[in-house]
């Protein structure tokens, strides 16, 4: 399904929105890699897989995969076709399950997309990164490619039924190598330092104001 959807959706989307994409050479074409991005819109998880030269798996609400009838089947096919994986965010074990799912993706030598902020920024600022991204990178021993998005918050604002044609920019930063760098360091400290390094790299790309605090999940996020 991914091959079919990506072969049709990606070229069509690029032709309509003409996103500006830079740093494509920084994304490894093979092997496990984490794409860590700022998060401005629901559309972010569509934009990155569309412009990336390889399949990128993101987590998505399980509700998108459980609908019934024709609408449910179309929704399921759409999200599966974009490489998204279901996660029940209302389950108390969701965080642990999502990390296991991500490690499974990386263990297969694939690319996994994550938003270290945890949820989208509602004021455009860049929030403090949560250490799940570092846990994944350190456990899998894979590089992290920082990704900067701009304009996606205008692509499909909250409440809008259809996306708008607006300028969107996607920048892939230089990979942050992990292997061998944190040996002998306490695990908690290593996760915090790596996460902060990733967030600094994202901020350097986007130029966003740093909030300095964690972002709380909105009811509709």
N, C-alpha and C. Protein backbone atom coordinates (compact mmCIF):
# COMPACT_ATOMS: atom_id res chain seq x y z
N UNK A 1 0.82 -1.20 0.00
CA UNK A 1 0.00 0.00 0.00
C UNK A 1 0.87 1.27 0.00
N UNK A 2 1.98 1.21 0.75
CA UNK A 2 2.86 2.37 0.82
C UNK A 2 3.36 2.74 -0.57
N UNK A 3 3.79 1.73 -1.33
CA UNK A 3 4.34 1.98 -2.67
C UNK A 3 3.31 2.66 -3.56
N UNK A 4 2.06 2.19 -3.49
CA UNK A 4 1.00 2.74 -4.33
C UNK A 4 0.68 4.18 -3.93
N UNK A 5 0.44 4.39 -2.62
CA UNK A 5 0.07 5.72 -2.14
C UNK A 5 1.19 6.72 -2.38
N UNK A 6 2.41 6.32 -2.07
CA UNK A 6 3.53 7.25 -2.21
C UNK A 6 3.80 7.57 -3.68
N UNK A 7 3.59 6.61 -4.56
CA UNK A 7 3.82 6.84 -5.98
C UNK A 7 2.83 7.84 -6.55
N UNK A 8 1.64 7.93 -5.96
CA UNK A 8 0.61 8.83 -6.45
C UNK A 8 0.58 10.14 -5.65
N UNK A 9 0.54 10.02 -4.32
CA UNK A 9 0.37 11.18 -3.45
C UNK A 9 1.57 12.11 -3.47
N UNK A 10 2.77 11.54 -3.38
CA UNK A 10 3.97 12.38 -3.29
C UNK A 10 4.14 13.30 -4.50
N UNK A 11 4.13 12.77 -5.73
CA UNK A 11 4.28 13.66 -6.89
C UNK A 11 3.17 14.69 -7.02
N UNK A 12 1.94 14.26 -6.72
CA UNK A 12 0.79 15.17 -6.83
C UNK A 12 0.90 16.29 -5.79
N UNK A 13 1.24 15.94 -4.57
CA UNK A 13 1.37 16.93 -3.51
C UNK A 13 2.49 17.93 -3.82
N UNK A 14 3.60 17.43 -4.31
CA UNK A 14 4.73 18.31 -4.65
C UNK A 14 4.36 19.26 -5.78
N UNK A 15 3.57 18.76 -6.73
CA UNK A 15 3.16 19.59 -7.86
C UNK A 15 2.23 20.71 -7.42
N UNK A 16 1.38 20.43 -6.43
CA UNK A 16 0.40 21.42 -5.96
C UNK A 16 1.03 22.42 -4.99
N UNK A 17 1.73 21.91 -3.99
CA UNK A 17 2.25 22.78 -2.93
C UNK A 17 3.68 23.28 -3.18
N UNK A 18 4.41 22.58 -4.02
CA UNK A 18 5.79 22.96 -4.35
C UNK A 18 6.60 23.31 -3.09
N UNK A 19 6.73 22.38 -2.18
CA UNK A 19 7.49 22.65 -0.95
C UNK A 19 8.96 22.90 -1.25
N UNK A 20 9.57 23.77 -0.47
CA UNK A 20 11.00 24.00 -0.58
C UNK A 20 11.71 23.00 0.33
N UNK A 21 12.53 22.15 -0.24
CA UNK A 21 13.21 21.10 0.52
C UNK A 21 14.73 21.27 0.36
N UNK A 22 15.42 21.36 1.49
CA UNK A 22 16.88 21.48 1.46
C UNK A 22 17.51 20.45 2.39
N UNK A 23 18.77 20.16 2.15
CA UNK A 23 19.52 19.23 2.99
C UNK A 23 19.18 17.77 2.76
N UNK A 24 18.59 17.45 1.63
CA UNK A 24 18.20 16.07 1.36
C UNK A 24 19.40 15.12 1.44
N UNK A 25 20.58 15.64 1.12
CA UNK A 25 21.77 14.80 1.16
C UNK A 25 22.14 14.37 2.57
N UNK A 26 21.56 15.01 3.58
CA UNK A 26 21.86 14.67 4.97
C UNK A 26 21.08 13.46 5.47
N UNK A 27 20.10 13.02 4.72
CA UNK A 27 19.29 11.88 5.13
C UNK A 27 19.85 10.59 4.53
N UNK A 28 20.37 9.70 5.37
CA UNK A 28 20.90 8.43 4.85
C UNK A 28 19.83 7.67 4.08
N UNK A 29 20.21 7.09 2.97
CA UNK A 29 19.24 6.38 2.13
C UNK A 29 18.95 4.98 2.65
N UNK A 30 19.84 4.43 3.46
CA UNK A 30 19.64 3.09 4.01
C UNK A 30 20.03 3.09 5.48
N UNK A 31 19.59 2.05 6.19
CA UNK A 31 19.96 1.88 7.58
C UNK A 31 19.04 2.63 8.52
N UNK A 32 19.05 2.25 9.81
CA UNK A 32 18.18 2.89 10.79
C UNK A 32 18.56 4.34 11.02
N UNK A 33 17.56 5.20 11.09
CA UNK A 33 17.80 6.62 11.34
C UNK A 33 16.53 7.23 11.95
N UNK A 34 16.74 8.19 12.83
CA UNK A 34 15.62 8.90 13.45
C UNK A 34 15.55 10.30 12.86
N UNK A 35 14.36 10.70 12.43
CA UNK A 35 14.13 12.07 11.99
C UNK A 35 13.43 12.80 13.12
N UNK A 36 14.12 13.74 13.74
CA UNK A 36 13.57 14.48 14.89
C UNK A 36 13.20 15.88 14.43
N UNK A 37 11.93 16.20 14.48
CA UNK A 37 11.43 17.45 13.90
C UNK A 37 10.70 18.33 14.91
N UNK A 38 10.70 19.64 14.64
CA UNK A 38 9.77 20.51 15.36
C UNK A 38 8.36 20.16 14.91
N UNK A 39 7.37 20.62 15.66
CA UNK A 39 6.00 20.17 15.41
C UNK A 39 5.04 21.34 15.46
N UNK A 40 4.50 21.70 14.31
CA UNK A 40 3.63 22.87 14.20
C UNK A 40 2.20 22.53 13.82
N UNK A 41 1.99 21.35 13.22
CA UNK A 41 0.68 21.05 12.65
C UNK A 41 0.47 19.55 12.51
N UNK A 42 -0.80 19.15 12.49
CA UNK A 42 -1.15 17.76 12.18
C UNK A 42 -0.53 17.35 10.84
N UNK A 43 -0.41 18.30 9.94
CA UNK A 43 0.08 18.01 8.60
C UNK A 43 1.56 17.65 8.56
N UNK A 44 2.30 17.90 9.63
CA UNK A 44 3.74 17.61 9.65
C UNK A 44 4.02 16.15 9.32
N UNK A 45 3.20 15.26 9.85
CA UNK A 45 3.41 13.83 9.65
C UNK A 45 3.05 13.38 8.24
N UNK A 46 2.46 14.27 7.46
CA UNK A 46 2.19 14.00 6.05
C UNK A 46 3.28 14.62 5.19
N UNK A 47 3.72 15.82 5.56
CA UNK A 47 4.69 16.55 4.76
C UNK A 47 6.04 15.83 4.71
N UNK A 48 6.54 15.40 5.87
CA UNK A 48 7.86 14.78 5.90
C UNK A 48 7.90 13.49 5.07
N UNK A 49 6.97 12.55 5.25
CA UNK A 49 7.01 11.35 4.41
C UNK A 49 6.86 11.64 2.92
N UNK A 50 6.13 12.70 2.58
CA UNK A 50 5.93 13.02 1.17
C UNK A 50 7.21 13.51 0.51
N UNK A 51 8.01 14.31 1.23
CA UNK A 51 9.22 14.87 0.62
C UNK A 51 10.46 14.01 0.84
N UNK A 52 10.43 13.11 1.82
CA UNK A 52 11.61 12.29 2.11
C UNK A 52 11.86 11.28 0.99
N UNK A 53 13.12 11.00 0.70
CA UNK A 53 13.46 10.06 -0.38
C UNK A 53 13.34 8.59 0.03
N UNK A 54 12.93 8.34 1.28
CA UNK A 54 12.73 6.97 1.75
C UNK A 54 11.54 6.94 2.69
N UNK A 55 11.04 5.76 2.95
CA UNK A 55 9.89 5.62 3.83
C UNK A 55 10.24 6.07 5.25
N UNK A 56 9.36 6.89 5.83
CA UNK A 56 9.53 7.35 7.20
C UNK A 56 8.26 7.00 7.98
N UNK A 57 8.41 6.21 9.02
CA UNK A 57 7.27 5.79 9.83
C UNK A 57 7.02 6.79 10.95
N UNK A 58 5.78 7.19 11.13
CA UNK A 58 5.36 8.05 12.23
C UNK A 58 4.26 7.33 13.00
N UNK A 59 4.09 7.71 14.24
CA UNK A 59 2.97 7.20 15.02
C UNK A 59 1.74 8.07 14.77
N UNK A 60 0.57 7.46 14.78
CA UNK A 60 -0.69 8.19 14.59
C UNK A 60 -1.74 7.61 15.53
N UNK A 61 -2.73 8.43 15.88
CA UNK A 61 -3.78 7.97 16.78
C UNK A 61 -4.45 6.70 16.24
N UNK A 62 -4.67 5.76 17.12
CA UNK A 62 -5.26 4.49 16.70
C UNK A 62 -6.67 4.67 16.13
N UNK A 63 -7.31 5.79 16.47
CA UNK A 63 -8.66 6.06 15.95
C UNK A 63 -8.69 6.08 14.43
N UNK A 64 -7.57 6.49 13.83
CA UNK A 64 -7.52 6.59 12.38
C UNK A 64 -7.55 5.21 11.71
N UNK A 65 -7.31 4.16 12.48
CA UNK A 65 -7.19 2.82 11.90
C UNK A 65 -8.36 1.91 12.27
N UNK A 66 -9.28 2.43 13.08
CA UNK A 66 -10.34 1.56 13.60
C UNK A 66 -11.74 1.90 13.10
N UNK A 67 -11.84 2.80 12.16
CA UNK A 67 -13.15 3.16 11.64
C UNK A 67 -13.80 2.01 10.87
N UNK A 68 -15.10 2.09 10.70
CA UNK A 68 -15.84 1.04 10.01
C UNK A 68 -16.39 1.56 8.68
N UNK A 69 -16.83 0.64 7.88
CA UNK A 69 -17.42 1.00 6.60
C UNK A 69 -16.39 1.51 5.61
N UNK A 70 -16.91 2.13 4.55
CA UNK A 70 -16.03 2.61 3.49
C UNK A 70 -15.10 3.72 3.99
N UNK A 71 -15.65 4.64 4.80
CA UNK A 71 -14.84 5.73 5.32
C UNK A 71 -13.70 5.22 6.19
N UNK A 72 -14.01 4.23 7.02
CA UNK A 72 -12.98 3.66 7.88
C UNK A 72 -11.90 2.95 7.08
N UNK A 73 -12.32 2.25 6.04
CA UNK A 73 -11.37 1.53 5.20
C UNK A 73 -10.46 2.50 4.45
N UNK A 74 -11.04 3.59 3.96
CA UNK A 74 -10.24 4.59 3.26
C UNK A 74 -9.25 5.28 4.19
N UNK A 75 -9.72 5.60 5.39
CA UNK A 75 -8.83 6.22 6.38
C UNK A 75 -7.67 5.30 6.72
N UNK A 76 -7.98 4.04 6.96
CA UNK A 76 -6.95 3.07 7.30
C UNK A 76 -5.94 2.91 6.16
N UNK A 77 -6.44 2.82 4.94
CA UNK A 77 -5.55 2.66 3.79
C UNK A 77 -4.66 3.89 3.60
N UNK A 78 -5.24 5.08 3.84
CA UNK A 78 -4.49 6.33 3.68
C UNK A 78 -3.33 6.41 4.67
N UNK A 79 -3.61 6.16 5.94
CA UNK A 79 -2.56 6.28 6.95
C UNK A 79 -1.54 5.15 6.86
N UNK A 80 -2.00 3.96 6.55
CA UNK A 80 -1.06 2.86 6.36
C UNK A 80 -0.20 3.11 5.13
N UNK A 81 -0.81 3.68 4.11
CA UNK A 81 -0.08 3.98 2.88
C UNK A 81 1.00 5.02 3.06
N UNK A 82 0.83 5.89 4.05
CA UNK A 82 1.84 6.90 4.35
C UNK A 82 2.89 6.38 5.33
N UNK A 83 2.75 5.13 5.72
CA UNK A 83 3.74 4.53 6.60
C UNK A 83 3.49 4.77 8.07
N UNK A 84 2.29 5.21 8.44
CA UNK A 84 2.00 5.52 9.84
C UNK A 84 1.61 4.27 10.61
N UNK A 85 1.91 4.31 11.92
CA UNK A 85 1.67 3.18 12.80
C UNK A 85 0.73 3.60 13.92
N UNK A 86 -0.28 2.78 14.25
CA UNK A 86 -1.27 3.18 15.26
C UNK A 86 -0.72 3.12 16.68
N UNK A 87 -1.13 4.08 17.51
CA UNK A 87 -0.82 4.07 18.93
C UNK A 87 -2.02 4.62 19.69
N UNK A 88 -2.40 3.95 20.77
CA UNK A 88 -3.53 4.38 21.59
C UNK A 88 -3.01 5.35 22.64
N UNK A 89 -3.18 6.65 22.41
CA UNK A 89 -2.62 7.65 23.30
C UNK A 89 -3.36 7.75 24.63
N UNK A 90 -4.54 7.13 24.72
CA UNK A 90 -5.30 7.16 25.97
C UNK A 90 -4.97 5.96 26.87
N UNK A 91 -4.16 5.04 26.35
CA UNK A 91 -3.73 3.89 27.13
C UNK A 91 -2.58 4.30 28.03
N UNK A 92 -2.62 3.89 29.29
CA UNK A 92 -1.56 4.26 30.23
C UNK A 92 -0.20 3.70 29.82
N UNK A 93 -0.20 2.66 29.00
CA UNK A 93 1.05 2.05 28.54
C UNK A 93 1.46 2.57 27.17
N UNK A 94 0.77 3.58 26.67
CA UNK A 94 0.99 4.05 25.30
C UNK A 94 2.44 4.49 25.07
N UNK A 95 3.02 5.21 26.05
CA UNK A 95 4.39 5.72 25.88
C UNK A 95 5.37 4.57 25.70
N UNK A 96 5.26 3.56 26.55
CA UNK A 96 6.16 2.41 26.46
C UNK A 96 5.93 1.63 25.17
N UNK A 97 4.66 1.45 24.82
CA UNK A 97 4.34 0.72 23.60
C UNK A 97 4.87 1.45 22.37
N UNK A 98 4.78 2.79 22.38
CA UNK A 98 5.24 3.56 21.23
C UNK A 98 6.76 3.45 21.08
N UNK A 99 7.48 3.41 22.20
CA UNK A 99 8.94 3.25 22.13
C UNK A 99 9.29 1.87 21.58
N UNK A 100 8.55 0.84 22.00
CA UNK A 100 8.80 -0.50 21.48
C UNK A 100 8.52 -0.56 19.98
N UNK A 101 7.44 0.11 19.55
CA UNK A 101 7.11 0.15 18.13
C UNK A 101 8.21 0.83 17.34
N UNK A 102 8.71 1.95 17.88
CA UNK A 102 9.77 2.69 17.20
C UNK A 102 11.04 1.86 17.10
N UNK A 103 11.39 1.17 18.19
CA UNK A 103 12.60 0.33 18.17
C UNK A 103 12.45 -0.81 17.17
N UNK A 104 11.23 -1.30 16.99
CA UNK A 104 10.99 -2.32 15.98
C UNK A 104 11.27 -1.80 14.58
N UNK A 105 10.83 -0.56 14.32
CA UNK A 105 11.09 0.07 13.02
C UNK A 105 12.59 0.22 12.79
N UNK A 106 13.28 0.75 13.78
CA UNK A 106 14.72 0.96 13.66
C UNK A 106 15.46 -0.37 13.56
N UNK A 107 14.98 -1.38 14.28
CA UNK A 107 15.61 -2.70 14.23
C UNK A 107 15.53 -3.33 12.84
N UNK A 108 14.55 -2.91 12.06
CA UNK A 108 14.43 -3.41 10.68
C UNK A 108 15.25 -2.57 9.70
N UNK A 109 16.00 -1.60 10.24
CA UNK A 109 16.84 -0.77 9.38
C UNK A 109 16.08 0.32 8.68
N UNK A 110 14.93 0.74 9.24
CA UNK A 110 14.09 1.74 8.60
C UNK A 110 14.22 3.10 9.28
N UNK A 111 13.51 4.09 8.77
CA UNK A 111 13.54 5.45 9.32
C UNK A 111 12.30 5.69 10.16
N UNK A 112 12.50 6.34 11.30
CA UNK A 112 11.38 6.63 12.20
C UNK A 112 11.35 8.12 12.49
N UNK A 113 10.15 8.73 12.36
CA UNK A 113 9.99 10.16 12.62
C UNK A 113 9.40 10.41 13.99
N UNK A 114 9.92 11.43 14.68
CA UNK A 114 9.46 11.72 16.03
C UNK A 114 9.50 13.22 16.29
N UNK A 115 8.62 13.68 17.17
CA UNK A 115 8.59 15.08 17.59
C UNK A 115 9.02 15.14 19.05
N UNK A 116 10.26 15.52 19.33
CA UNK A 116 10.74 15.55 20.71
C UNK A 116 9.91 16.45 21.62
N UNK A 117 9.25 17.47 21.06
CA UNK A 117 8.41 18.34 21.89
C UNK A 117 7.20 17.60 22.47
N UNK A 118 6.84 16.50 21.87
CA UNK A 118 5.73 15.68 22.36
C UNK A 118 4.41 15.98 21.70
N UNK A 119 4.11 17.22 21.48
CA UNK A 119 2.88 17.62 20.81
C UNK A 119 3.15 18.94 20.08
N UNK A 120 2.22 19.33 19.23
CA UNK A 120 2.48 20.50 18.39
C UNK A 120 2.54 21.79 19.20
N UNK A 121 3.34 22.72 18.73
CA UNK A 121 3.43 24.03 19.34
C UNK A 121 2.25 24.87 18.90
N UNK A 122 1.53 25.44 19.84
CA UNK A 122 0.36 26.24 19.50
C UNK A 122 0.67 27.72 19.42
N UNK A 123 1.89 28.10 19.77
CA UNK A 123 2.28 29.52 19.70
C UNK A 123 3.52 29.76 18.84
N UNK A 124 4.00 28.71 18.16
CA UNK A 124 5.13 28.86 17.26
C UNK A 124 6.49 28.76 17.92
N UNK A 125 6.52 28.70 19.25
CA UNK A 125 7.80 28.57 19.94
C UNK A 125 8.27 27.12 19.93
N UNK A 126 9.56 26.92 20.17
CA UNK A 126 10.13 25.58 20.23
C UNK A 126 10.23 25.17 21.70
N UNK A 127 9.54 24.09 22.04
CA UNK A 127 9.49 23.66 23.44
C UNK A 127 10.61 22.67 23.76
N UNK A 128 10.83 22.48 25.04
CA UNK A 128 11.90 21.60 25.48
C UNK A 128 11.65 20.18 25.01
N UNK A 129 12.72 19.50 24.61
CA UNK A 129 12.58 18.15 24.11
C UNK A 129 12.46 17.12 25.22
N UNK A 130 11.62 16.14 25.01
CA UNK A 130 11.50 15.02 25.94
C UNK A 130 12.51 13.94 25.52
N UNK A 131 12.99 13.18 26.49
CA UNK A 131 14.16 12.33 26.24
C UNK A 131 13.86 11.02 25.52
N UNK A 132 12.62 10.79 25.12
CA UNK A 132 12.31 9.57 24.38
C UNK A 132 13.13 9.45 23.11
N UNK A 133 13.39 10.57 22.44
CA UNK A 133 14.18 10.54 21.20
C UNK A 133 15.59 10.04 21.48
N UNK A 134 16.17 10.48 22.59
CA UNK A 134 17.52 10.04 22.94
C UNK A 134 17.53 8.58 23.36
N UNK A 135 16.48 8.16 24.05
CA UNK A 135 16.38 6.74 24.43
C UNK A 135 16.41 5.87 23.18
N UNK A 136 15.65 6.26 22.17
CA UNK A 136 15.61 5.48 20.93
C UNK A 136 16.98 5.46 20.25
N UNK A 137 17.60 6.64 20.14
CA UNK A 137 18.88 6.73 19.44
C UNK A 137 19.97 5.94 20.15
N UNK A 138 20.01 6.06 21.48
CA UNK A 138 21.04 5.37 22.24
C UNK A 138 20.82 3.85 22.25
N UNK A 139 19.57 3.44 22.31
CA UNK A 139 19.26 2.01 22.31
C UNK A 139 19.54 1.39 20.95
N UNK A 140 19.14 2.08 19.89
CA UNK A 140 19.34 1.56 18.54
C UNK A 140 20.73 1.83 18.00
N UNK A 141 21.44 2.79 18.62
CA UNK A 141 22.78 3.14 18.15
C UNK A 141 22.77 3.77 16.77
N UNK A 142 21.70 4.52 16.47
CA UNK A 142 21.56 5.07 15.12
C UNK A 142 21.66 6.59 15.13
N UNK A 143 21.97 7.20 14.00
CA UNK A 143 22.05 8.66 13.93
C UNK A 143 20.69 9.32 14.00
N UNK A 144 20.70 10.60 14.36
CA UNK A 144 19.49 11.41 14.41
C UNK A 144 19.64 12.56 13.42
N UNK A 145 18.69 12.70 12.51
CA UNK A 145 18.70 13.81 11.57
C UNK A 145 17.70 14.85 12.06
N UNK A 146 18.17 16.05 12.46
CA UNK A 146 17.23 17.10 12.87
C UNK A 146 16.49 17.64 11.66
N UNK A 147 15.21 17.89 11.82
CA UNK A 147 14.38 18.38 10.72
C UNK A 147 13.69 19.67 11.16
N UNK A 148 13.73 20.68 10.31
CA UNK A 148 13.07 21.94 10.58
C UNK A 148 11.92 22.17 9.61
N UNK A 149 10.73 22.38 10.14
CA UNK A 149 9.55 22.66 9.32
C UNK A 149 9.14 24.10 9.50
N UNK A 150 8.69 24.70 8.42
CA UNK A 150 8.19 26.08 8.45
C UNK A 150 6.99 26.20 7.53
N UNK A 151 5.93 26.84 8.02
CA UNK A 151 4.75 27.08 7.19
C UNK A 151 3.67 26.04 7.31
N UNK A 152 3.96 24.90 7.94
CA UNK A 152 2.94 23.84 8.01
C UNK A 152 1.77 24.23 8.91
N UNK A 153 2.00 25.16 9.85
CA UNK A 153 0.90 25.59 10.72
C UNK A 153 -0.17 26.33 9.94
N UNK A 154 0.18 26.83 8.75
CA UNK A 154 -0.77 27.53 7.90
C UNK A 154 -1.38 26.60 6.84
N UNK A 155 -0.79 25.42 6.72
CA UNK A 155 -1.24 24.48 5.70
C UNK A 155 -2.65 23.97 5.98
N UNK A 156 -2.87 23.55 7.21
CA UNK A 156 -4.21 23.11 7.60
C UNK A 156 -4.42 23.48 9.06
N UNK A 157 -4.82 24.73 9.32
CA UNK A 157 -5.03 25.19 10.70
C UNK A 157 -6.08 24.34 11.41
N UNK A 158 -6.04 24.34 12.73
CA UNK A 158 -7.01 23.58 13.51
C UNK A 158 -8.42 24.02 13.13
N UNK A 159 -9.26 23.06 12.80
CA UNK A 159 -10.65 23.36 12.43
C UNK A 159 -10.88 23.42 10.94
N UNK A 160 -9.79 23.54 10.15
CA UNK A 160 -9.93 23.62 8.69
C UNK A 160 -10.17 22.22 8.12
N UNK A 161 -11.12 22.10 7.22
CA UNK A 161 -11.45 20.79 6.65
C UNK A 161 -10.48 20.40 5.55
N UNK A 162 -9.97 21.38 4.82
CA UNK A 162 -9.10 21.08 3.69
C UNK A 162 -7.80 21.88 3.79
N UNK A 163 -6.71 21.33 3.29
CA UNK A 163 -5.43 22.04 3.33
C UNK A 163 -5.41 23.22 2.37
N UNK A 164 -4.63 24.24 2.72
CA UNK A 164 -4.48 25.42 1.88
C UNK A 164 -3.16 25.36 1.12
N UNK A 165 -3.09 26.05 0.04
CA UNK A 165 -1.84 26.12 -0.73
C UNK A 165 -1.02 27.29 -0.18
N UNK A 166 -0.05 26.98 0.64
CA UNK A 166 0.81 27.98 1.28
C UNK A 166 2.26 27.52 1.16
N UNK A 167 3.22 28.46 1.28
CA UNK A 167 4.64 28.07 1.21
C UNK A 167 5.02 27.19 2.41
N UNK A 168 5.64 26.07 2.13
CA UNK A 168 6.11 25.15 3.16
C UNK A 168 7.58 24.84 2.91
N UNK A 169 8.36 24.87 3.98
CA UNK A 169 9.79 24.58 3.88
C UNK A 169 10.15 23.42 4.79
N UNK A 170 10.93 22.48 4.25
CA UNK A 170 11.42 21.34 5.02
C UNK A 170 12.94 21.30 4.87
N UNK A 171 13.64 21.34 6.00
CA UNK A 171 15.10 21.32 5.98
C UNK A 171 15.60 20.15 6.80
N UNK A 172 16.43 19.31 6.15
CA UNK A 172 17.07 18.19 6.84
C UNK A 172 18.48 18.63 7.25
N UNK A 173 18.74 18.62 8.56
CA UNK A 173 20.03 19.03 9.05
C UNK A 173 21.06 17.91 9.01
N UNK A 174 22.29 18.23 9.37
CA UNK A 174 23.36 17.23 9.38
C UNK A 174 23.10 16.18 10.45
N UNK A 175 23.36 14.91 10.15
CA UNK A 175 23.10 13.84 11.12
C UNK A 175 23.91 14.03 12.40
N UNK A 176 23.28 13.71 13.50
CA UNK A 176 23.94 13.71 14.80
C UNK A 176 24.29 12.26 15.11
N UNK A 177 25.57 11.95 15.12
CA UNK A 177 26.00 10.59 15.37
C UNK A 177 25.95 10.29 16.87
N UNK A 178 25.62 9.07 17.19
CA UNK A 178 25.42 8.68 18.59
C UNK A 178 26.43 7.62 19.03
N UNK A 179 26.70 6.68 18.16
CA UNK A 179 27.51 5.51 18.52
C UNK A 179 28.86 5.92 19.13
N UNK A 180 29.13 5.40 20.33
CA UNK A 180 30.42 5.59 20.97
C UNK A 180 30.63 6.91 21.68
N UNK A 181 29.67 7.82 21.60
CA UNK A 181 29.87 9.16 22.15
C UNK A 181 29.54 9.27 23.63
N UNK A 182 28.71 8.40 24.14
CA UNK A 182 28.24 8.57 25.52
C UNK A 182 28.63 7.40 26.43
N UNK A 183 29.63 6.66 26.01
CA UNK A 183 30.08 5.52 26.82
C UNK A 183 30.62 6.01 28.16
N UNK A 184 30.23 5.32 29.22
CA UNK A 184 30.69 5.67 30.55
C UNK A 184 29.89 6.76 31.23
N UNK A 185 28.95 7.40 30.50
CA UNK A 185 28.12 8.45 31.08
C UNK A 185 26.85 7.83 31.65
N UNK A 186 26.38 8.36 32.76
CA UNK A 186 25.13 7.89 33.33
C UNK A 186 24.02 8.01 32.29
N UNK A 187 23.16 6.98 32.22
CA UNK A 187 22.17 6.92 31.16
C UNK A 187 21.25 8.13 31.15
N UNK A 188 20.78 8.53 32.33
CA UNK A 188 19.89 9.68 32.41
C UNK A 188 20.54 10.95 31.89
N UNK A 189 21.80 11.14 32.25
CA UNK A 189 22.53 12.33 31.79
C UNK A 189 22.76 12.27 30.29
N UNK A 190 23.08 11.08 29.79
CA UNK A 190 23.31 10.93 28.35
C UNK A 190 22.04 11.26 27.56
N UNK A 191 20.91 10.79 28.05
CA UNK A 191 19.64 11.06 27.36
C UNK A 191 19.34 12.56 27.34
N UNK A 192 19.58 13.21 28.47
CA UNK A 192 19.29 14.65 28.55
C UNK A 192 20.23 15.43 27.65
N UNK A 193 21.51 15.12 27.67
CA UNK A 193 22.47 15.86 26.86
C UNK A 193 22.21 15.67 25.37
N UNK A 194 21.92 14.44 24.98
CA UNK A 194 21.65 14.18 23.56
C UNK A 194 20.37 14.87 23.12
N UNK A 195 19.34 14.81 23.94
CA UNK A 195 18.08 15.47 23.60
C UNK A 195 18.28 16.97 23.44
N UNK A 196 19.01 17.58 24.36
CA UNK A 196 19.27 19.02 24.26
C UNK A 196 20.07 19.36 23.00
N UNK A 197 21.01 18.49 22.63
CA UNK A 197 21.80 18.70 21.41
C UNK A 197 20.89 18.65 20.18
N UNK A 198 19.97 17.71 20.18
CA UNK A 198 19.02 17.58 19.07
C UNK A 198 18.15 18.83 18.96
N UNK A 199 17.66 19.31 20.09
CA UNK A 199 16.80 20.49 20.08
C UNK A 199 17.56 21.74 19.64
N UNK A 200 18.82 21.85 20.03
CA UNK A 200 19.62 22.99 19.56
C UNK A 200 19.79 22.95 18.05
N UNK A 201 19.96 21.74 17.52
CA UNK A 201 20.11 21.60 16.06
C UNK A 201 18.83 21.98 15.34
N UNK A 202 17.69 21.59 15.90
CA UNK A 202 16.40 21.96 15.29
C UNK A 202 16.22 23.47 15.34
N UNK A 203 16.54 24.08 16.49
CA UNK A 203 16.38 25.52 16.64
C UNK A 203 17.28 26.29 15.69
N UNK A 204 18.48 25.77 15.45
CA UNK A 204 19.41 26.43 14.53
C UNK A 204 18.85 26.44 13.11
N UNK A 205 18.05 25.42 12.78
CA UNK A 205 17.44 25.35 11.45
C UNK A 205 16.24 26.29 11.35
N UNK A 206 15.37 26.25 12.35
CA UNK A 206 14.10 26.97 12.27
C UNK A 206 14.17 28.42 12.75
N UNK A 207 15.11 28.71 13.65
CA UNK A 207 15.18 30.05 14.23
C UNK A 207 14.06 30.35 15.20
N UNK A 208 13.34 29.32 15.64
CA UNK A 208 12.22 29.53 16.55
C UNK A 208 12.68 30.04 17.92
N UNK A 209 11.83 30.83 18.54
CA UNK A 209 12.08 31.24 19.91
C UNK A 209 11.94 30.01 20.81
N UNK A 210 12.86 29.86 21.74
CA UNK A 210 12.82 28.71 22.65
C UNK A 210 11.91 29.02 23.84
N UNK A 211 10.98 28.13 24.12
CA UNK A 211 10.05 28.34 25.22
C UNK A 211 10.71 28.07 26.56
N UNK A 212 11.66 27.14 26.59
CA UNK A 212 12.36 26.84 27.83
C UNK A 212 11.60 25.93 28.78
N UNK A 213 10.41 25.47 28.38
CA UNK A 213 9.59 24.59 29.21
C UNK A 213 9.03 23.48 28.33
N UNK A 214 8.46 22.47 28.98
CA UNK A 214 7.82 21.40 28.22
C UNK A 214 6.46 21.86 27.72
N UNK A 215 6.03 21.27 26.62
CA UNK A 215 4.74 21.59 26.03
C UNK A 215 3.69 20.62 26.55
N UNK A 216 2.58 21.13 27.01
CA UNK A 216 1.50 20.27 27.47
C UNK A 216 0.61 19.90 26.30
N UNK A 217 0.09 18.70 26.33
CA UNK A 217 -0.79 18.23 25.27
C UNK A 217 -2.14 18.94 25.35
N UNK A 218 -2.56 19.50 24.23
CA UNK A 218 -3.88 20.13 24.16
C UNK A 218 -4.95 19.06 24.01
N UNK A 219 -6.18 19.32 24.42
CA UNK A 219 -7.24 18.34 24.30
C UNK A 219 -7.45 17.85 22.88
N UNK A 220 -7.22 18.72 21.87
CA UNK A 220 -7.47 18.34 20.48
C UNK A 220 -6.21 18.02 19.73
N UNK A 221 -5.05 17.96 20.42
CA UNK A 221 -3.77 17.74 19.72
C UNK A 221 -3.61 16.29 19.31
